[in-house]
Amino acid sequence: MRGTISKHVVAALNAAGAKEVYFISGSPMIVNPCVYGIDMSSKEEMVAYKRTEKEIASLIGADHVIYPKVEDLQSLYKDFGKVCDACFSGDYPTKLGEQIFSNIANEKQDRMLNKMKFSAFAVPSIIEE
């Protein structure tokens, strides 16, 4: 679940009367974008980027946030050889440079600007009043 959605889920649980909310993730903290085909946020947009579990809990309104460690995930797959865990560890198998992240961020920004330009056009109403 993304950090932006987590905040709303935690708020709904609190509004429903939860005494405490523990946010327990099934994966380690995602702190790096995947550049192998999954469209993700940039590093700076990720809820776990440069934040501790305590800071994330505060940000999303949870009492506690628990993430498994990257090393624990890696130990589960050790018999399969090297498995890509770049979004957790930052260790990209193809040794990508920072330039690719800059390119991806620029493309996302361009797409966002184009969406904003398109949505600025007024759509005439076809319903008569």
N, C-alpha and C. Protein backbone atom coordinates (compact mmCIF):
# COMPACT_ATOMS: atom_id res chain seq x y z
N MET A 1 0.85 -1.16 0.00
CA MET A 1 0.00 0.00 0.00
C MET A 1 0.90 1.24 0.00
N ARG A 2 0.57 2.17 -0.82
CA ARG A 2 1.37 3.39 -0.91
C ARG A 2 1.19 4.25 0.34
N GLY A 3 2.20 5.06 0.61
CA GLY A 3 2.16 5.94 1.78
C GLY A 3 0.98 6.89 1.76
N THR A 4 0.63 7.38 0.57
CA THR A 4 -0.49 8.33 0.48
C THR A 4 -1.81 7.65 0.83
N ILE A 5 -1.96 6.40 0.46
CA ILE A 5 -3.18 5.65 0.78
C ILE A 5 -3.15 5.23 2.25
N SER A 6 -1.98 4.82 2.74
CA SER A 6 -1.84 4.38 4.13
C SER A 6 -2.36 5.43 5.09
N LYS A 7 -2.05 6.67 4.81
CA LYS A 7 -2.47 7.78 5.67
C LYS A 7 -3.99 7.81 5.80
N HIS A 8 -4.70 7.59 4.71
CA HIS A 8 -6.16 7.61 4.72
C HIS A 8 -6.73 6.39 5.43
N VAL A 9 -6.10 5.24 5.23
CA VAL A 9 -6.57 4.02 5.89
C VAL A 9 -6.40 4.15 7.40
N VAL A 10 -5.24 4.65 7.82
CA VAL A 10 -4.99 4.85 9.25
C VAL A 10 -6.00 5.84 9.83
N ALA A 11 -6.27 6.92 9.12
CA ALA A 11 -7.25 7.91 9.59
C ALA A 11 -8.64 7.29 9.72
N ALA A 12 -9.02 6.44 8.77
CA ALA A 12 -10.33 5.78 8.84
C ALA A 12 -10.40 4.83 10.03
N LEU A 13 -9.32 4.11 10.29
CA LEU A 13 -9.30 3.21 11.44
C LEU A 13 -9.39 3.99 12.75
N ASN A 14 -8.67 5.09 12.82
CA ASN A 14 -8.75 5.94 14.02
C ASN A 14 -10.15 6.52 14.19
N ALA A 15 -10.75 6.96 13.10
CA ALA A 15 -12.10 7.53 13.15
C ALA A 15 -13.13 6.48 13.57
N ALA A 16 -12.85 5.22 13.26
CA ALA A 16 -13.76 4.14 13.64
C ALA A 16 -13.57 3.71 15.10
N GLY A 17 -12.61 4.35 15.78
CA GLY A 17 -12.44 4.07 17.20
C GLY A 17 -11.27 3.17 17.56
N ALA A 18 -10.36 2.92 16.64
CA ALA A 18 -9.21 2.08 16.95
C ALA A 18 -8.41 2.70 18.10
N LYS A 19 -8.01 1.86 19.05
CA LYS A 19 -7.21 2.36 20.17
C LYS A 19 -5.76 2.56 19.75
N GLU A 20 -5.27 1.69 18.91
CA GLU A 20 -3.93 1.80 18.34
C GLU A 20 -3.96 1.25 16.93
N VAL A 21 -3.10 1.79 16.08
CA VAL A 21 -2.99 1.29 14.71
C VAL A 21 -1.53 0.92 14.46
N TYR A 22 -1.33 -0.36 14.16
CA TYR A 22 -0.02 -0.87 13.80
C TYR A 22 -0.03 -1.11 12.30
N PHE A 23 0.85 -0.44 11.59
CA PHE A 23 0.97 -0.63 10.15
C PHE A 23 2.12 -1.60 9.94
N ILE A 24 1.81 -2.82 9.49
CA ILE A 24 2.82 -3.85 9.30
C ILE A 24 2.90 -4.17 7.81
N SER A 25 4.06 -3.91 7.24
CA SER A 25 4.26 -4.11 5.81
C SER A 25 4.75 -5.53 5.53
N GLY A 26 4.36 -6.04 4.39
CA GLY A 26 4.82 -7.36 3.95
C GLY A 26 6.15 -7.30 3.23
N SER A 27 6.63 -6.10 2.97
CA SER A 27 7.92 -5.96 2.28
C SER A 27 8.79 -4.95 3.01
N PRO A 28 10.08 -5.00 2.78
CA PRO A 28 10.95 -3.96 3.35
C PRO A 28 10.56 -2.59 2.81
N MET A 29 11.12 -1.55 3.41
CA MET A 29 10.85 -0.19 2.96
C MET A 29 11.28 -0.04 1.50
N ILE A 30 10.40 0.50 0.69
CA ILE A 30 10.74 0.79 -0.70
C ILE A 30 11.30 2.21 -0.73
N VAL A 31 12.59 2.29 -1.04
CA VAL A 31 13.27 3.59 -0.99
C VAL A 31 13.91 3.97 -2.32
N ASN A 32 13.76 3.12 -3.32
CA ASN A 32 14.33 3.38 -4.64
C ASN A 32 13.32 2.98 -5.71
N PRO A 33 13.25 3.73 -6.79
CA PRO A 33 12.31 3.36 -7.86
C PRO A 33 12.79 2.14 -8.63
N CYS A 34 11.84 1.42 -9.18
CA CYS A 34 12.15 0.30 -10.06
C CYS A 34 12.24 0.85 -11.47
N VAL A 35 13.32 0.54 -12.13
CA VAL A 35 13.49 1.02 -13.51
C VAL A 35 13.38 -0.12 -14.51
N TYR A 36 12.88 -1.24 -14.04
CA TYR A 36 12.78 -2.43 -14.89
C TYR A 36 11.35 -2.72 -15.31
N GLY A 37 10.53 -1.70 -15.43
CA GLY A 37 9.20 -1.89 -15.98
C GLY A 37 8.05 -1.52 -15.07
N ILE A 38 8.32 -1.16 -13.83
CA ILE A 38 7.24 -0.76 -12.92
C ILE A 38 7.31 0.74 -12.75
N ASP A 39 6.21 1.41 -13.04
CA ASP A 39 6.16 2.87 -12.92
C ASP A 39 5.96 3.24 -11.46
N MET A 40 7.01 3.75 -10.84
CA MET A 40 6.96 4.10 -9.42
C MET A 40 7.27 5.57 -9.23
N SER A 41 7.04 6.03 -8.01
CA SER A 41 7.39 7.39 -7.65
C SER A 41 8.90 7.57 -7.69
N SER A 42 9.33 8.82 -7.72
CA SER A 42 10.76 9.09 -7.60
C SER A 42 11.15 8.86 -6.14
N LYS A 43 12.43 8.75 -5.87
CA LYS A 43 12.91 8.52 -4.50
C LYS A 43 12.31 9.53 -3.53
N GLU A 44 12.37 10.78 -3.92
CA GLU A 44 11.92 11.86 -3.04
C GLU A 44 10.43 11.79 -2.70
N GLU A 45 9.64 11.13 -3.54
CA GLU A 45 8.20 11.02 -3.31
C GLU A 45 7.84 9.82 -2.44
N MET A 46 8.78 8.92 -2.23
CA MET A 46 8.48 7.69 -1.49
C MET A 46 8.42 7.95 0.00
N VAL A 47 7.41 7.38 0.65
CA VAL A 47 7.20 7.64 2.06
C VAL A 47 8.39 7.17 2.91
N ALA A 48 9.08 6.14 2.49
CA ALA A 48 10.19 5.60 3.30
C ALA A 48 11.54 6.22 2.98
N TYR A 49 11.61 7.03 1.94
CA TYR A 49 12.90 7.60 1.54
C TYR A 49 13.43 8.53 2.62
N LYS A 50 14.60 8.20 3.14
CA LYS A 50 15.30 8.98 4.17
C LYS A 50 14.47 9.17 5.45
N ARG A 51 13.57 8.21 5.73
CA ARG A 51 12.76 8.29 6.94
C ARG A 51 12.94 7.01 7.76
N THR A 52 12.80 7.14 9.05
CA THR A 52 12.81 5.99 9.94
C THR A 52 11.39 5.46 10.08
N GLU A 53 11.26 4.28 10.67
CA GLU A 53 9.92 3.74 10.92
C GLU A 53 9.11 4.68 11.81
N LYS A 54 9.77 5.27 12.79
CA LYS A 54 9.09 6.20 13.69
C LYS A 54 8.59 7.43 12.93
N GLU A 55 9.40 7.95 12.02
CA GLU A 55 9.00 9.12 11.22
C GLU A 55 7.84 8.78 10.29
N ILE A 56 7.87 7.58 9.72
CA ILE A 56 6.79 7.15 8.83
C ILE A 56 5.49 7.00 9.63
N ALA A 57 5.59 6.41 10.81
CA ALA A 57 4.40 6.25 11.66
C ALA A 57 3.77 7.62 11.94
N SER A 58 4.60 8.57 12.27
CA SER A 58 4.10 9.93 12.54
C SER A 58 3.47 10.53 11.29
N LEU A 59 4.11 10.34 10.16
CA LEU A 59 3.62 10.90 8.90
C LEU A 59 2.25 10.35 8.50
N ILE A 60 2.04 9.04 8.69
CA ILE A 60 0.77 8.44 8.28
C ILE A 60 -0.23 8.36 9.42
N GLY A 61 0.17 8.75 10.63
CA GLY A 61 -0.74 8.77 11.76
C GLY A 61 -0.89 7.46 12.50
N ALA A 62 0.00 6.50 12.24
CA ALA A 62 -0.05 5.20 12.92
C ALA A 62 0.71 5.27 14.24
N ASP A 63 0.38 4.37 15.14
CA ASP A 63 1.11 4.31 16.41
C ASP A 63 2.48 3.66 16.20
N HIS A 64 2.51 2.66 15.35
CA HIS A 64 3.76 1.96 15.05
C HIS A 64 3.76 1.52 13.60
N VAL A 65 4.94 1.50 13.00
CA VAL A 65 5.12 0.98 11.64
C VAL A 65 6.21 -0.07 11.72
N ILE A 66 5.95 -1.21 11.11
CA ILE A 66 6.92 -2.31 11.14
C ILE A 66 7.17 -2.80 9.72
N TYR A 67 8.44 -2.80 9.34
CA TYR A 67 8.87 -3.31 8.04
C TYR A 67 9.85 -4.45 8.27
N PRO A 68 9.78 -5.50 7.45
CA PRO A 68 10.83 -6.52 7.53
C PRO A 68 12.15 -5.93 7.01
N LYS A 69 13.24 -6.51 7.41
CA LYS A 69 14.56 -6.05 6.96
C LYS A 69 14.88 -6.63 5.59
N VAL A 70 15.62 -5.88 4.79
CA VAL A 70 16.02 -6.33 3.45
C VAL A 70 16.79 -7.65 3.56
N GLU A 71 17.64 -7.74 4.56
CA GLU A 71 18.44 -8.96 4.74
C GLU A 71 17.57 -10.19 4.98
N ASP A 72 16.46 -10.01 5.68
CA ASP A 72 15.54 -11.13 5.90
C ASP A 72 14.92 -11.59 4.59
N LEU A 73 14.55 -10.64 3.74
CA LEU A 73 14.01 -10.99 2.43
C LEU A 73 15.07 -11.70 1.59
N GLN A 74 16.27 -11.17 1.60
CA GLN A 74 17.36 -11.77 0.83
C GLN A 74 17.63 -13.21 1.28
N SER A 75 17.53 -13.47 2.58
CA SER A 75 17.79 -14.83 3.07
C SER A 75 16.72 -15.82 2.59
N LEU A 76 15.51 -15.33 2.34
CA LEU A 76 14.46 -16.21 1.82
C LEU A 76 14.76 -16.70 0.41
N TYR A 77 15.47 -15.90 -0.37
CA TYR A 77 15.72 -16.22 -1.78
C TYR A 77 17.16 -16.64 -2.05
N LYS A 78 17.94 -16.90 -1.02
CA LYS A 78 19.36 -17.18 -1.22
C LYS A 78 19.62 -18.39 -2.11
N ASP A 79 18.72 -19.37 -2.12
CA ASP A 79 18.90 -20.57 -2.94
C ASP A 79 18.66 -20.32 -4.42
N PHE A 80 18.10 -19.16 -4.77
CA PHE A 80 17.80 -18.84 -6.16
C PHE A 80 18.89 -18.02 -6.82
N GLY A 81 19.95 -17.72 -6.11
CA GLY A 81 20.99 -16.85 -6.65
C GLY A 81 20.60 -15.40 -6.43
N LYS A 82 21.22 -14.52 -7.18
CA LYS A 82 20.96 -13.09 -7.03
C LYS A 82 19.57 -12.74 -7.56
N VAL A 83 18.76 -12.16 -6.71
CA VAL A 83 17.42 -11.71 -7.06
C VAL A 83 17.41 -10.20 -6.93
N CYS A 84 16.77 -9.52 -7.86
CA CYS A 84 16.73 -8.06 -7.81
C CYS A 84 15.93 -7.59 -6.61
N ASP A 85 16.58 -6.78 -5.79
CA ASP A 85 15.92 -6.15 -4.66
C ASP A 85 16.26 -4.66 -4.64
N ALA A 86 16.49 -4.11 -5.81
CA ALA A 86 16.96 -2.74 -5.95
C ALA A 86 16.03 -1.72 -5.32
N CYS A 87 14.72 -1.95 -5.38
CA CYS A 87 13.80 -0.96 -4.81
C CYS A 87 13.93 -0.90 -3.28
N PHE A 88 14.46 -1.96 -2.68
CA PHE A 88 14.69 -1.98 -1.24
C PHE A 88 16.13 -1.58 -0.88
N SER A 89 17.08 -2.09 -1.65
CA SER A 89 18.49 -1.95 -1.28
C SER A 89 19.26 -0.88 -2.06
N GLY A 90 18.77 -0.53 -3.24
CA GLY A 90 19.50 0.40 -4.10
C GLY A 90 20.57 -0.27 -4.91
N ASP A 91 20.68 -1.60 -4.80
CA ASP A 91 21.68 -2.36 -5.54
C ASP A 91 21.08 -2.83 -6.87
N TYR A 92 21.25 -2.01 -7.90
CA TYR A 92 20.69 -2.33 -9.22
C TYR A 92 21.61 -3.30 -9.95
N PRO A 93 21.08 -4.42 -10.44
CA PRO A 93 21.91 -5.42 -11.10
C PRO A 93 22.63 -4.90 -12.34
N THR A 94 22.06 -3.90 -12.99
CA THR A 94 22.68 -3.38 -14.21
C THR A 94 23.55 -2.16 -13.93
N LYS A 95 23.75 -1.84 -12.66
CA LYS A 95 24.60 -0.72 -12.25
C LYS A 95 24.25 0.58 -12.98
N LEU A 96 22.99 0.91 -12.91
CA LEU A 96 22.50 2.13 -13.54
C LEU A 96 23.09 3.37 -12.89
N GLY A 97 23.27 4.39 -13.66
CA GLY A 97 23.75 5.65 -13.13
C GLY A 97 22.60 6.53 -12.68
N GLU A 98 22.93 7.58 -11.95
CA GLU A 98 21.91 8.51 -11.47
C GLU A 98 21.20 9.21 -12.63
N GLN A 99 21.81 9.26 -13.79
CA GLN A 99 21.21 9.94 -14.94
C GLN A 99 19.87 9.34 -15.31
N ILE A 100 19.75 8.02 -15.20
CA ILE A 100 18.47 7.38 -15.57
C ILE A 100 17.36 7.84 -14.64
N PHE A 101 17.67 8.04 -13.34
CA PHE A 101 16.65 8.51 -12.40
C PHE A 101 16.24 9.94 -12.73
N SER A 102 17.20 10.74 -13.13
CA SER A 102 16.91 12.10 -13.53
C SER A 102 16.03 12.11 -14.77
N ASN A 103 16.35 11.25 -15.74
CA ASN A 103 15.54 11.15 -16.97
C ASN A 103 14.10 10.74 -16.66
N ILE A 104 13.95 9.74 -15.79
CA ILE A 104 12.61 9.26 -15.43
C ILE A 104 11.83 10.36 -14.72
N ALA A 105 12.47 11.06 -13.78
CA ALA A 105 11.80 12.15 -13.06
C ALA A 105 11.37 13.25 -14.02
N ASN A 106 12.22 13.59 -14.99
CA ASN A 106 11.88 14.61 -15.98
C ASN A 106 10.70 14.17 -16.84
N GLU A 107 10.68 12.90 -17.26
CA GLU A 107 9.57 12.39 -18.05
C GLU A 107 8.26 12.45 -17.27
N LYS A 108 8.31 12.07 -15.99
CA LYS A 108 7.11 12.13 -15.16
C LYS A 108 6.61 13.56 -15.02
N GLN A 109 7.54 14.48 -14.82
CA GLN A 109 7.16 15.88 -14.68
C GLN A 109 6.53 16.39 -15.97
N ASP A 110 7.10 16.02 -17.11
CA ASP A 110 6.53 16.42 -18.39
C ASP A 110 5.12 15.87 -18.56
N ARG A 111 4.91 14.58 -18.19
CA ARG A 111 3.58 13.98 -18.30
C ARG A 111 2.58 14.71 -17.41
N MET A 112 3.02 15.06 -16.20
CA MET A 112 2.14 15.76 -15.27
C MET A 112 1.76 17.13 -15.82
N LEU A 113 2.73 17.84 -16.37
CA LEU A 113 2.44 19.15 -16.94
C LEU A 113 1.49 19.04 -18.12
N ASN A 114 1.67 18.02 -18.95
CA ASN A 114 0.76 17.82 -20.08
C ASN A 114 -0.65 17.50 -19.61
N LYS A 115 -0.78 16.71 -18.55
CA LYS A 115 -2.11 16.41 -18.00
C LYS A 115 -2.77 17.68 -17.49
N MET A 116 -1.98 18.52 -16.82
CA MET A 116 -2.53 19.76 -16.28
C MET A 116 -2.98 20.69 -17.40
N LYS A 117 -2.22 20.75 -18.48
CA LYS A 117 -2.61 21.60 -19.61
C LYS A 117 -3.91 21.10 -20.22
N PHE A 118 -4.03 19.76 -20.38
CA PHE A 118 -5.21 19.20 -20.99
C PHE A 118 -6.43 19.42 -20.10
N SER A 119 -6.28 19.26 -18.79
CA SER A 119 -7.43 19.39 -17.90
C SER A 119 -7.86 20.85 -17.71
N ALA A 120 -7.03 21.77 -18.18
CA ALA A 120 -7.38 23.19 -18.04
C ALA A 120 -8.42 23.63 -19.07
N PHE A 121 -8.62 22.81 -20.11
CA PHE A 121 -9.61 23.16 -21.12
C PHE A 121 -11.01 22.92 -20.57
N ALA A 122 -11.90 23.85 -20.83
CA ALA A 122 -13.29 23.70 -20.37
C ALA A 122 -14.03 22.78 -21.34
N VAL A 123 -14.82 21.91 -20.78
CA VAL A 123 -15.64 21.00 -21.59
C VAL A 123 -17.05 21.54 -21.56
N PRO A 124 -17.60 21.89 -22.72
CA PRO A 124 -18.96 22.44 -22.73
C PRO A 124 -19.99 21.42 -22.28
N SER A 125 -21.00 21.91 -21.60
CA SER A 125 -22.06 21.05 -21.10
C SER A 125 -23.00 20.68 -22.24
N ILE A 126 -23.42 19.44 -22.29
CA ILE A 126 -24.37 19.01 -23.32
C ILE A 126 -25.77 18.85 -22.74
N ILE A 127 -25.89 19.16 -21.46
CA ILE A 127 -27.19 19.05 -20.80
C ILE A 127 -27.82 20.43 -20.76
N GLU A 128 -29.03 20.51 -21.27
CA GLU A 128 -29.73 21.79 -21.24
C GLU A 128 -30.32 22.02 -19.86
N GLU A 129 -30.25 23.25 -19.40
CA GLU A 129 -30.81 23.56 -18.09
C GLU A 129 -32.22 24.05 -18.22
